């Protein structure tokens, strides 16, 4: 049987303390305030704060907005429902905005 020397009884607890220390450092880094890698809850923004998405419809209720979004999606236009500070908005990418508006006008008339 191989022997690790006179201090072999220290290696097990030392490895355990090092492993716990590494876990503590990783968790502190993960849950630190300000620069966390954990996703923050979404916040509502104005309709101009959604990057590449532009509003194509301004319905009064979320139910109406979901109906519009589903109609656009059925027509092949990628659309999303965004809860903005100005109310619900149906948003699409800028390249699809003209097509989406035309589909909405066509369905209205």
Protein backbone atom coordinates (compact mmCIF):
# COMPACT_ATOMS: atom_id res chain seq x y z
CA UNK A 1 0.00 0.00 0.00
CA UNK A 2 1.35 3.42 -0.97
CA UNK A 3 1.90 6.04 1.69
CA UNK A 4 1.57 9.79 1.14
CA UNK A 5 3.79 10.67 4.02
CA UNK A 6 3.30 11.74 7.59
CA UNK A 7 0.76 14.48 6.69
CA UNK A 8 -1.56 12.36 4.53
CA UNK A 9 -4.45 12.87 6.98
CA UNK A 10 -4.44 16.60 6.01
CA UNK A 11 -4.91 16.10 2.26
CA UNK A 12 -8.59 15.07 2.36
CA UNK A 13 -9.85 18.02 4.45
CA UNK A 14 -7.54 20.41 2.56
CA UNK A 15 -8.99 19.35 -0.79
CA UNK A 16 -12.53 19.70 0.63
CA UNK A 17 -11.83 23.24 1.93
CA UNK A 18 -10.30 24.29 -1.40
CA UNK A 19 -13.34 22.92 -3.29
CA UNK A 20 -15.76 24.76 -0.99
CA UNK A 21 -13.69 27.94 -1.36
CA UNK A 22 -13.84 27.74 -5.15
CA UNK A 23 -17.62 27.22 -5.00
CA UNK A 24 -18.01 30.21 -2.67
CA UNK A 25 -16.02 32.43 -5.04
CA UNK A 26 -18.03 31.27 -8.05
CA UNK A 27 -21.35 31.87 -6.29
CA UNK A 28 -20.28 35.29 -5.06
CA UNK A 29 -19.28 36.21 -8.61
CA UNK A 30 -22.55 34.84 -10.03
CA UNK A 31 -24.92 36.60 -7.61
CA UNK A 32 -23.01 39.85 -7.15
CA UNK A 33 -25.11 43.01 -7.60
CA UNK A 34 -24.64 45.10 -10.71
CA UNK A 35 -22.77 42.74 -13.01
CA UNK A 36 -24.52 39.44 -12.46
CA UNK A 37 -24.48 36.68 -15.07
CA UNK A 38 -27.97 35.72 -13.91
CA UNK A 39 -30.69 37.25 -16.06
CA UNK A 40 -32.50 40.20 -14.50
CA UNK A 41 -36.27 40.57 -14.67
CA UNK A 42 -37.42 42.32 -17.83
CA UNK A 43 -38.36 45.96 -17.48
CA UNK A 44 -40.79 47.89 -19.63
CA UNK A 45 -39.33 50.47 -21.95
CA UNK A 46 -40.65 52.99 -24.42
CA UNK A 47 -41.50 51.77 -27.89
CA UNK A 48 -38.19 53.15 -29.19
CA UNK A 49 -36.11 51.07 -26.77
CA UNK A 50 -36.52 47.67 -28.40
CA UNK A 51 -33.47 47.67 -30.67
CA UNK A 52 -34.23 46.43 -34.18
CA UNK A 53 -37.95 46.04 -33.49
CA UNK A 54 -40.38 48.72 -34.68
CA UNK A 55 -44.06 49.05 -33.71
CA UNK A 56 -46.62 48.27 -36.42
CA UNK A 57 -49.79 48.24 -34.30
CA UNK A 58 -50.92 50.04 -31.15
CA UNK A 59 -53.90 48.02 -29.86
CA UNK A 60 -55.80 49.01 -26.75
CA UNK A 61 -55.57 45.65 -24.96
CA UNK A 62 -53.14 42.77 -24.74
CA UNK A 63 -55.80 40.37 -26.05
CA UNK A 64 -56.24 42.44 -29.21
CA UNK A 65 -52.46 42.68 -29.56
CA UNK A 66 -52.11 38.89 -29.33
CA UNK A 67 -54.72 38.44 -32.07
CA UNK A 68 -52.82 40.83 -34.34
CA UNK A 69 -49.52 39.12 -33.55
CA UNK A 70 -50.94 35.69 -34.31
CA UNK A 71 -52.40 36.93 -37.65
CA UNK A 72 -49.00 38.30 -38.65
CA UNK A 73 -47.26 35.09 -37.60
CA UNK A 74 -49.76 33.04 -39.64
CA UNK A 75 -48.85 35.18 -42.66
CA UNK A 76 -45.15 34.44 -42.18
CA UNK A 77 -44.12 37.71 -40.53
CA UNK A 78 -42.09 37.34 -37.32
CA UNK A 79 -43.90 39.49 -34.77
CA UNK A 80 -43.78 39.91 -31.02
CA UNK A 81 -45.97 41.50 -28.38
CA UNK A 82 -44.09 44.06 -26.30
CA UNK A 83 -45.48 45.57 -23.08
CA UNK A 84 -44.13 49.12 -23.44
CA UNK A 85 -44.62 52.07 -21.11
CA UNK A 86 -47.01 53.45 -23.76
CA UNK A 87 -49.15 50.30 -23.68
CA UNK A 88 -49.05 47.05 -25.64
CA UNK A 89 -47.34 47.18 -29.03
CA UNK A 90 -47.02 44.62 -31.80
CA UNK A 91 -43.44 44.84 -33.02
CA UNK A 92 -41.61 43.43 -36.03
CA UNK A 93 -38.12 43.77 -37.45
CA UNK A 94 -37.58 46.89 -39.53
CA UNK A 95 -37.26 44.90 -42.76
CA UNK A 96 -40.70 43.34 -42.23
CA UNK A 97 -42.49 46.54 -41.14
CA UNK A 98 -43.80 47.54 -44.58
CA UNK A 99 -45.16 44.02 -45.25
CA UNK A 100 -46.73 43.82 -41.77
CA UNK A 101 -48.46 47.19 -42.13
CA UNK A 102 -49.79 46.19 -45.55
CA UNK A 103 -51.16 42.92 -44.13
CA UNK A 104 -52.83 44.78 -41.27
CA UNK A 105 -54.44 47.32 -43.64
CA UNK A 106 -55.61 44.49 -45.90
CA UNK A 107 -57.16 42.56 -43.00
CA UNK A 108 -58.86 45.70 -41.66
CA UNK A 109 -60.45 46.66 -44.95
